[in-house]
Amino acid sequence: MTLTTPHQPAGVPGAATARHEALLAEHSAHNYAPLPVVLAEGRGARVTDVEGRSYIDCLAGYSALNFGHAHPVLLAAAHAQLDRLTLTGRAFGNDRLGPFCAALAGLVGKDMVLPMNTGAEAVESGLKVSRKWGYEVRGVPRDRARIVVAAEAFHGRTITIVGFSTDPQARDGFGPFPDGFDVVPYGDTSALRAAIGPDTVAVLLEPVQGEAGVVVPPPGYLADVRAACTEAGVLFVADEVQSGLGRTGHVLATRGLGGVDADVYLLGKALGGGILPVSAVVADEAVLGVLKPGQHGSTFGGNPFAGAVGSAVIGLLEEGALLRRAVTLGHLLSTELNVLVGRGVITFRHIGLWAGVDIDPELGTGREVCERMCARGVLVKDTHGSTIRLSPPLVISEDDLVVAVRVLGEVLADMRRDLAGRR
């Protein structure tokens, strides 16, 4: 199998790409270092750049595009709502909010939904709700609430969130930070139990640590976390912004991997179908019921446009076909990656259609791997040095998935030859 569209060599952008990159360099804050590609169109798992070159998208907007680019069901819902009503603010009701909240609560199996916009907003909202619940229900003395979090986690980039991050790049230069967080190693139940004290109100975890390199929890870990929270009478808050809504082959990774239920779920990314930011805190009334009018809100949270698209997303998940597809394609991904172990790949972690691949650092950085794959028509993203992440849309074809991994193999073979030449 080969890519059907010719590609220019790496580092030789066309004129249109160069113009766009020059505009970004001059007028956009330099908080990202994108690969040398400027995308213009997308369908399914394929995207096209401003030069007309085709690529296989194996990042899917960090799982925001679980259903692929321009999914016809989601586009139809968006187009229909654009002609009707897009924003009211929560000073009024709208005819899309109630059905969306009911559908999402039903999908997750909880009572109530707090609609927000971005994943970071969902996390911040979950932290606020946890603290308020801790004071009003658990009886923690005012302003003493503490939340246990995991090292190497990624929950967003607000001041509060980066304040308990263990990633120096995310944290350094942004202090001082709010107090109230206790960091423990991910996967270490003993450390987690030791960190829970009388002022603890919640444990916040990603069931799978995405930004850290798709770190899958040890067997029994999520069940142990659930037990520890139950015994201590604190909330288990699961950040499923990346792992939820199909990526792992389950609606919720917490239930699919650990067979347990969190008290609070934080959702985002795929909930907006790759069309607009939609996020939510989902919990039972005993938790979300602590919020009263005026205590928390969002101008755009729960807008009718988001409700229409979000409801269509839920409909796709309820059908179940994409969840089953994530499992099937995940097996194929694992099989193809296994071939590369010892051939430039040290190891990989995988769950559903999601993998973190550790490249031999002797060959080069993860960034270099991504640049070389981009030049061959496959888009992936590096993280933490020599690790790359593969999270293609769940609608990717088997052929494109195989091509993507084989392009990785070709790149690694080239890098091995380059290393041998240097020696």
Protein backbone atom coordinates (compact mmCIF):
# COMPACT_ATOMS: atom_id res chain seq x y z
CA MET A 1 0.00 0.00 0.00
CA THR A 2 1.27 3.45 -0.87
CA LEU A 3 0.03 6.98 -0.49
CA THR A 4 -1.57 8.21 -3.67
CA THR A 5 -0.55 11.87 -3.40
CA PRO A 6 3.09 12.91 -4.02
CA HIS A 7 4.76 14.90 -1.28
CA GLN A 8 7.51 17.45 -1.27
CA PRO A 9 10.66 16.62 0.71
CA ALA A 10 10.74 17.59 4.36
CA GLY A 11 11.71 21.19 5.00
CA VAL A 12 10.67 22.42 1.54
CA PRO A 13 7.26 24.04 2.00
CA GLY A 14 5.41 25.45 -0.96
CA ALA A 15 4.69 29.14 -1.41
CA ALA A 16 1.20 28.95 0.12
CA THR A 17 2.54 27.15 3.19
CA ALA A 18 5.34 29.67 3.56
CA ARG A 19 2.86 32.59 3.45
CA HIS A 20 0.71 31.10 6.19
CA GLU A 21 3.68 30.26 8.36
CA ALA A 22 5.03 33.80 7.96
CA LEU A 23 1.71 35.26 9.13
CA LEU A 24 1.70 32.99 12.16
CA ALA A 25 5.30 33.82 13.00
CA GLU A 26 4.55 37.53 12.92
CA HIS A 27 1.08 37.76 14.41
CA SER A 28 0.37 34.63 16.50
CA ALA A 29 1.72 34.05 19.98
CA HIS A 30 4.43 31.40 19.82
CA ASN A 31 2.86 29.01 22.32
CA TYR A 32 2.93 26.16 19.79
CA ALA A 33 5.59 24.77 17.49
CA PRO A 34 3.47 23.18 14.75
CA LEU A 35 4.79 20.79 12.15
CA PRO A 36 5.56 22.39 8.77
CA VAL A 37 2.11 21.82 7.31
CA VAL A 38 -0.89 24.15 6.89
CA LEU A 39 -4.16 22.28 6.58
CA ALA A 40 -7.13 23.52 4.59
CA GLU A 41 -9.69 20.68 4.25
CA GLY A 42 -10.58 17.39 5.88
CA ARG A 43 -12.86 14.40 5.37
CA GLY A 44 -12.85 11.35 7.59
CA ALA A 45 -9.27 10.54 8.54
CA ARG A 46 -7.77 12.43 5.58
CA VAL A 47 -6.76 16.09 5.49
CA THR A 48 -5.43 18.27 2.68
CA ASP A 49 -3.00 21.15 3.01
CA VAL A 50 -2.94 24.50 1.21
CA GLU A 51 -0.69 22.98 -1.46
CA GLY A 52 -3.25 20.26 -2.21
CA ARG A 53 -1.26 17.44 -0.59
CA SER A 54 -3.12 14.68 1.26
CA TYR A 55 -2.26 13.36 4.72
CA ILE A 56 -3.53 10.67 7.05
CA ASP A 57 -4.50 12.34 10.33
CA CYS A 58 -3.29 10.17 13.21
CA LEU A 59 -3.82 12.76 15.93
CA ALA A 60 -7.51 13.60 15.48
CA GLY A 61 -7.25 16.86 17.40
CA TYR A 62 -6.06 15.03 20.54
CA SER A 63 -9.28 12.93 20.32
CA ALA A 64 -11.58 15.90 19.63
CA LEU A 65 -12.09 14.40 16.16
CA ASN A 66 -12.95 10.86 17.24
CA PHE A 67 -15.64 10.79 14.55
CA GLY A 68 -13.36 12.18 11.88
CA HIS A 69 -13.38 15.40 9.93
CA ALA A 70 -16.72 16.56 8.55
CA HIS A 71 -18.80 13.62 9.77
CA PRO A 72 -22.06 13.94 7.79
CA VAL A 73 -24.36 13.37 10.78
CA LEU A 74 -22.59 16.02 12.84
CA LEU A 75 -22.40 18.50 9.97
CA ALA A 76 -26.12 18.07 9.31
CA ALA A 77 -26.92 18.81 12.96
CA ALA A 78 -24.64 21.86 12.91
CA HIS A 79 -26.01 23.25 9.66
CA ALA A 80 -29.61 22.84 10.78
CA GLN A 81 -28.97 24.61 14.08
CA LEU A 82 -27.00 27.47 12.50
CA ASP A 83 -30.16 28.51 10.67
CA ARG A 84 -32.22 28.51 13.88
CA LEU A 85 -30.40 29.76 17.00
CA THR A 86 -26.77 29.67 18.12
CA LEU A 87 -26.57 31.51 21.45
CA THR A 88 -28.91 32.74 24.16
CA GLY A 89 -26.80 32.81 27.32
CA ARG A 90 -28.11 31.00 30.37
CA ALA A 91 -30.31 33.95 31.36
CA PHE A 92 -32.89 32.17 29.19
CA GLY A 93 -33.69 28.61 28.29
CA ASN A 94 -33.18 27.12 24.85
CA ASP A 95 -34.80 24.11 23.22
CA ARG A 96 -31.52 22.22 22.74
CA LEU A 97 -30.13 22.35 26.26
CA GLY A 98 -32.64 20.12 28.05
CA PRO A 99 -32.53 17.30 25.49
CA PHE A 100 -28.70 17.46 25.41
CA CYS A 101 -28.39 17.25 29.20
CA ALA A 102 -30.92 14.43 29.38
CA ALA A 103 -29.16 12.47 26.64
CA LEU A 104 -25.69 12.92 28.15
CA ALA A 105 -26.90 12.05 31.65
CA GLY A 106 -28.51 8.92 30.23
CA LEU A 107 -25.38 7.94 28.29
CA VAL A 108 -23.18 8.30 31.37
CA GLY A 109 -25.74 6.98 33.85
CA LYS A 110 -25.83 10.00 36.13
CA ASP A 111 -28.52 12.48 37.15
CA MET A 112 -27.20 15.87 36.12
CA VAL A 113 -24.99 17.71 33.64
CA LEU A 114 -23.11 20.98 34.02
CA PRO A 115 -22.39 22.14 30.43
CA MET A 116 -19.22 24.10 29.76
CA ASN A 117 -16.97 24.68 26.73
CA THR A 118 -13.36 23.46 26.95
CA GLY A 119 -11.85 20.51 28.74
CA ALA A 120 -9.93 22.81 31.06
CA GLU A 121 -13.21 24.53 31.99
CA ALA A 122 -14.73 21.15 32.80
CA VAL A 123 -11.77 20.35 35.06
CA GLU A 124 -11.93 23.74 36.80
CA SER A 125 -15.67 23.30 37.27
CA GLY A 126 -15.13 19.82 38.67
CA LEU A 127 -12.60 21.19 41.17
CA LYS A 128 -15.02 23.90 42.29
CA VAL A 129 -17.89 21.46 42.65
CA SER A 130 -15.67 19.04 44.60
CA ARG A 131 -14.63 21.73 47.05
CA LYS A 132 -18.18 22.97 47.56
CA TRP A 133 -19.40 19.42 48.06
CA GLY A 134 -16.58 18.89 50.54
CA TYR A 135 -17.67 21.84 52.65
CA GLU A 136 -21.42 21.29 52.46
CA VAL A 137 -21.64 17.48 52.47
CA ARG A 138 -18.38 16.05 53.83
CA GLY A 139 -18.07 18.80 56.43
CA VAL A 140 -14.49 19.92 55.72
CA PRO A 141 -13.71 23.23 57.51
CA ARG A 142 -13.96 26.28 55.25
CA ASP A 143 -10.99 26.95 52.93
CA ARG A 144 -9.17 23.76 53.92
CA ALA A 145 -10.31 21.42 51.14
CA ARG A 146 -7.62 19.32 49.49
CA ILE A 147 -7.67 17.25 46.31
CA VAL A 148 -5.34 14.34 45.53
CA VAL A 149 -3.93 14.34 41.98
CA ALA A 150 -1.47 12.20 40.01
CA ALA A 151 2.04 13.01 38.86
CA GLU A 152 2.60 13.30 35.10
CA ALA A 153 -1.09 14.10 34.61
CA PHE A 154 -2.45 16.62 32.12
CA HIS A 155 -5.73 18.36 32.91
CA GLY A 156 -5.33 21.63 31.01
CA ARG A 157 -3.34 24.83 31.34
CA THR A 158 -5.17 27.20 33.67
CA ILE A 159 -3.23 28.69 36.59
CA THR A 160 -4.89 26.28 39.02
CA ILE A 161 -4.20 23.23 36.89
CA VAL A 162 -0.57 23.99 36.02
CA GLY A 163 -0.05 24.76 39.70
CA PHE A 164 -0.26 21.04 40.51
CA SER A 165 1.37 19.87 37.26
CA THR A 166 4.68 18.02 37.48
CA ASP A 167 5.65 19.14 33.97
CA PRO A 168 8.20 21.98 34.32
CA GLN A 169 7.39 23.28 30.83
CA ALA A 170 3.74 23.75 31.77
CA ARG A 171 4.46 25.12 35.24
CA ASP A 172 7.64 27.22 35.24
CA GLY A 173 7.15 30.99 35.11
CA PHE A 174 3.44 31.03 35.93
CA GLY A 175 3.39 31.11 39.76
CA PRO A 176 2.34 31.77 42.42
CA PHE A 177 -0.18 28.95 42.43
CA PRO A 178 -3.28 28.12 44.47
CA ASP A 179 -2.81 25.62 47.29
CA GLY A 180 -4.94 22.60 48.07
CA PHE A 181 -3.47 19.77 45.97
CA ASP A 182 -1.50 16.67 46.95
CA VAL A 183 0.46 14.96 44.17
CA VAL A 184 1.06 11.20 44.26
CA PRO A 185 2.60 8.79 41.71
CA TYR A 186 0.14 7.48 39.15
CA GLY A 187 -0.57 3.79 39.70
CA ASP A 188 0.53 3.79 43.35
CA THR A 189 -2.52 3.03 45.46
CA SER A 190 -0.55 2.99 48.71
CA ALA A 191 0.65 6.55 48.10
CA LEU A 192 -2.86 7.62 47.18
CA ARG A 193 -4.36 6.16 50.34
CA ALA A 194 -1.65 7.82 52.44
CA ALA A 195 -2.41 11.19 50.86
CA ILE A 196 -6.13 11.09 51.69
CA GLY A 197 -6.70 12.97 54.94
CA PRO A 198 -9.57 14.54 56.87
CA ASP A 199 -9.57 17.62 54.61
CA THR A 200 -9.49 15.64 51.35
CA VAL A 201 -12.62 16.13 49.26
CA ALA A 202 -11.71 14.33 46.02
CA VAL A 203 -9.23 12.31 44.01
CA LEU A 204 -8.79 13.60 40.45
CA LEU A 205 -7.30 11.19 37.89
CA GLU A 206 -7.11 10.47 34.19
CA PRO A 207 -8.02 6.80 33.82
CA VAL A 208 -5.45 6.76 31.01
CA GLN A 209 -2.77 9.45 31.03
CA GLY A 210 -2.82 10.74 27.47
CA GLU A 211 -0.28 13.56 27.39
CA ALA A 212 2.15 11.44 29.42
CA GLY A 213 2.29 8.98 26.52
CA VAL A 214 -0.91 6.90 26.75
CA VAL A 215 -0.02 5.45 30.14
CA VAL A 216 -2.50 2.66 30.88
CA PRO A 217 -3.22 2.01 34.58
CA PRO A 218 -1.85 -1.12 36.26
CA PRO A 219 -4.37 -3.97 36.65
CA GLY A 220 -6.74 -3.29 39.51
CA TYR A 221 -5.58 0.30 40.02
CA LEU A 222 -8.86 2.03 39.16
CA ALA A 223 -10.78 -0.43 41.33
CA ASP A 224 -8.39 0.32 44.19
CA VAL A 225 -8.88 4.06 43.69
CA ARG A 226 -12.63 3.54 43.79
CA ALA A 227 -12.36 1.55 47.00
CA ALA A 228 -10.07 4.10 48.64
CA CYS A 229 -12.45 6.95 47.79
CA THR A 230 -15.47 5.04 49.04
CA GLU A 231 -13.78 4.08 52.30
CA ALA A 232 -12.64 7.66 52.94
CA GLY A 233 -15.94 9.22 51.87
CA VAL A 234 -14.40 11.40 49.15
CA LEU A 235 -15.26 11.90 45.48
CA PHE A 236 -13.59 9.97 42.67
CA VAL A 237 -13.35 12.48 39.80
CA ALA A 238 -12.40 10.95 36.43
CA ASP A 239 -10.97 13.27 33.78
CA GLU A 240 -12.17 11.57 30.60
CA VAL A 241 -11.67 14.58 28.34
CA GLN A 242 -9.30 12.57 26.13
CA SER A 243 -10.06 8.98 27.10
CA GLY A 244 -13.85 9.22 27.07
CA LEU A 245 -16.44 8.98 24.30
CA GLY A 246 -14.99 6.15 22.26
CA ARG A 247 -11.22 6.50 22.17
CA THR A 248 -10.62 3.35 24.24
CA GLY A 249 -13.51 1.43 22.72
CA HIS A 250 -15.79 2.42 25.60
CA VAL A 251 -17.98 5.40 26.37
CA LEU A 252 -15.98 5.77 29.59
CA ALA A 253 -12.49 4.36 30.08
CA THR A 254 -13.00 4.22 33.84
CA ARG A 255 -15.74 1.64 33.43
CA GLY A 256 -14.22 -0.11 30.44
CA LEU A 257 -10.78 -0.57 31.98
CA GLY A 258 -11.52 -0.72 35.67
CA GLY A 259 -15.11 -1.85 35.74
CA VAL A 260 -15.85 0.86 38.28
CA ASP A 261 -17.89 4.04 38.39
CA ALA A 262 -16.50 7.44 39.27
CA ASP A 263 -18.60 9.95 41.19
CA VAL A 264 -17.85 12.76 38.73
CA TYR A 265 -16.96 12.55 35.03
CA LEU A 266 -15.25 15.38 33.17
CA LEU A 267 -15.91 15.23 29.42
CA GLY A 268 -14.86 17.37 26.46
CA LYS A 269 -13.01 17.20 23.14
CA ALA A 270 -15.05 14.56 21.22
CA LEU A 271 -18.26 15.87 22.81
CA GLY A 272 -18.15 18.75 20.31
CA GLY A 273 -17.56 16.45 17.35
CA GLY A 274 -14.56 18.48 16.22
CA ILE A 275 -16.95 21.30 15.28
CA LEU A 276 -16.94 23.47 18.39
CA PRO A 277 -15.75 23.29 22.01
CA VAL A 278 -18.24 21.41 24.19
CA SER A 279 -17.47 20.04 27.64
CA ALA A 280 -19.41 18.92 30.67
CA VAL A 281 -19.26 17.82 34.28
CA VAL A 282 -21.56 14.84 34.77
CA ALA A 283 -22.53 13.58 38.22
CA ASP A 284 -25.49 12.69 40.39
CA GLU A 285 -27.71 15.32 41.99
CA ALA A 286 -26.08 14.62 45.36
CA VAL A 287 -22.90 16.20 43.95
CA LEU A 288 -23.92 18.73 41.32
CA GLY A 289 -26.88 19.77 43.41
CA VAL A 290 -24.54 21.82 45.63
CA LEU A 291 -24.45 24.52 42.93
CA LYS A 292 -27.03 27.28 43.27
CA PRO A 293 -27.88 30.14 40.87
CA GLY A 294 -25.10 32.68 40.60
CA GLN A 295 -22.38 30.42 42.01
CA HIS A 296 -20.98 29.19 38.69
CA GLY A 297 -21.69 29.80 35.03
CA SER A 298 -20.57 30.35 31.46
CA THR A 299 -21.81 32.64 28.69
CA PHE A 300 -21.38 29.98 26.03
CA GLY A 301 -21.79 26.86 28.16
CA GLY A 302 -24.99 25.08 27.17
CA ASN A 303 -25.59 27.15 24.06
CA PRO A 304 -28.11 25.72 21.56
CA PHE A 305 -25.49 25.17 18.85
CA ALA A 306 -23.43 23.08 21.26
CA GLY A 307 -26.55 21.24 22.39
CA ALA A 308 -27.47 20.28 18.83
CA VAL A 309 -24.00 19.01 17.94
CA GLY A 310 -23.49 17.34 21.33
CA SER A 311 -26.79 15.51 21.01
CA ALA A 312 -25.74 14.22 17.58
CA VAL A 313 -22.44 13.01 19.07
CA ILE A 314 -24.32 11.11 21.76
CA GLY A 315 -26.49 9.52 19.10
CA LEU A 316 -23.42 8.19 17.29
CA LEU A 317 -22.07 6.73 20.52
CA GLU A 318 -25.38 5.12 21.41
CA GLU A 319 -25.33 3.23 18.11
CA GLY A 320 -22.24 1.39 19.35
CA ALA A 321 -20.68 0.75 15.92
CA LEU A 322 -17.82 3.21 16.44
CA LEU A 323 -17.04 1.79 19.87
CA ARG A 324 -16.74 -1.69 18.40
CA ARG A 325 -14.66 -0.30 15.55
CA ALA A 326 -12.22 1.30 18.01
CA VAL A 327 -11.63 -2.12 19.57
CA THR A 328 -11.18 -3.88 16.23
CA LEU A 329 -8.84 -1.24 14.82
CA GLY A 330 -7.00 -1.15 18.14
CA HIS A 331 -6.08 -4.81 17.72
CA LEU A 332 -4.84 -4.05 14.21
CA LEU A 333 -2.80 -1.10 15.49
CA SER A 334 -1.21 -3.26 18.16
CA THR A 335 -0.37 -5.99 15.65
CA GLU A 336 1.32 -3.53 13.29
CA LEU A 337 3.26 -1.82 16.08
CA ASN A 338 4.49 -5.15 17.42
CA VAL A 339 6.41 -5.61 14.17
CA LEU A 340 8.42 -2.45 14.92
CA VAL A 341 9.50 -3.40 18.45
CA GLY A 342 13.27 -3.80 18.33
CA ARG A 343 13.37 -1.96 15.01
CA GLY A 344 13.45 1.54 16.41
CA VAL A 345 10.50 1.12 18.78
CA ILE A 346 11.51 0.27 22.34
CA THR A 347 7.98 -0.39 23.55
CA PHE A 348 4.44 0.90 23.21
CA ARG A 349 1.31 1.18 25.31
CA HIS A 350 -2.08 0.74 23.73
CA ILE A 351 -5.76 0.81 24.61
CA GLY A 352 -8.48 0.93 21.99
CA LEU A 353 -7.42 3.04 18.99
CA TRP A 354 -4.79 4.89 21.03
CA ALA A 355 -1.10 4.21 21.46
CA GLY A 356 1.98 5.81 22.96
CA VAL A 357 5.11 4.65 21.14
CA ASP A 358 8.55 5.00 22.73
CA ILE A 359 11.21 5.54 20.07
CA ASP A 360 14.85 4.61 20.67
CA PRO A 361 16.33 8.01 21.67
CA GLU A 362 19.59 7.09 19.96
CA LEU A 363 17.80 7.47 16.65
CA GLY A 364 16.47 10.96 17.34
CA THR A 365 13.69 12.85 19.02
CA GLY A 366 9.98 12.28 18.76
CA ARG A 367 9.75 15.62 16.99
CA GLU A 368 12.14 14.42 14.29
CA VAL A 369 10.05 11.28 13.79
CA CYS A 370 6.91 13.41 13.43
CA GLU A 371 8.57 15.73 10.89
CA ARG A 372 9.75 12.81 8.77
CA MET A 373 6.33 11.15 8.90
CA CYS A 374 4.70 14.46 7.94
CA ALA A 375 6.93 14.60 4.87
CA ARG A 376 5.61 11.14 3.94
CA GLY A 377 1.97 12.08 4.44
CA VAL A 378 1.17 10.97 8.00
CA LEU A 379 0.45 13.39 10.84
CA VAL A 380 1.32 12.38 14.41
CA LYS A 381 2.43 14.26 17.53
CA ASP A 382 5.32 13.75 19.89
CA THR A 383 5.31 14.11 23.66
CA HIS A 384 7.95 13.83 26.36
CA GLY A 385 11.07 13.54 24.25
CA SER A 386 11.08 10.38 22.17
CA THR A 387 7.47 9.28 22.57
CA ILE A 388 4.87 9.74 19.85
CA ARG A 389 1.11 9.34 20.13
CA LEU A 390 -1.18 7.66 17.65
CA SER A 391 -4.88 8.52 18.00
CA PRO A 392 -6.47 8.51 14.54
CA PRO A 393 -10.19 9.10 14.05
CA LEU A 394 -12.29 6.05 14.81
CA VAL A 395 -13.51 6.15 11.19
CA ILE A 396 -10.04 5.59 9.71
CA SER A 397 -9.90 2.78 7.19
CA GLU A 398 -7.88 -0.35 7.91
CA ASP A 399 -5.71 0.42 4.89
CA ASP A 400 -4.89 3.94 6.08
CA LEU A 401 -4.11 2.69 9.57
CA VAL A 402 -1.72 0.07 8.21
CA VAL A 403 -0.10 2.63 5.89
CA ALA A 404 0.40 5.04 8.81
CA VAL A 405 2.22 2.48 10.94
CA ARG A 406 4.28 1.26 8.01
CA VAL A 407 5.32 4.85 7.29
CA LEU A 408 6.52 4.98 10.89
CA GLY A 409 8.52 1.84 10.18
CA GLU A 410 10.04 3.37 7.04
CA VAL A 411 11.01 6.50 8.94
CA LEU A 412 12.64 4.47 11.71
CA ALA A 413 14.53 2.39 9.13
CA ASP A 414 15.87 5.60 7.58
CA MET A 415 16.90 6.86 11.01
CA ARG A 416 18.67 3.60 11.80
CA ARG A 417 20.63 3.92 8.55
CA ASP A 418 21.46 7.54 9.40
CA LEU A 419 22.73 6.47 12.83
CA ALA A 420 24.85 3.71 11.32
CA GLY A 421 26.33 6.24 8.88
CA ARG A 422 27.25 8.61 11.71
CA ARG A 423 29.06 5.82 13.48
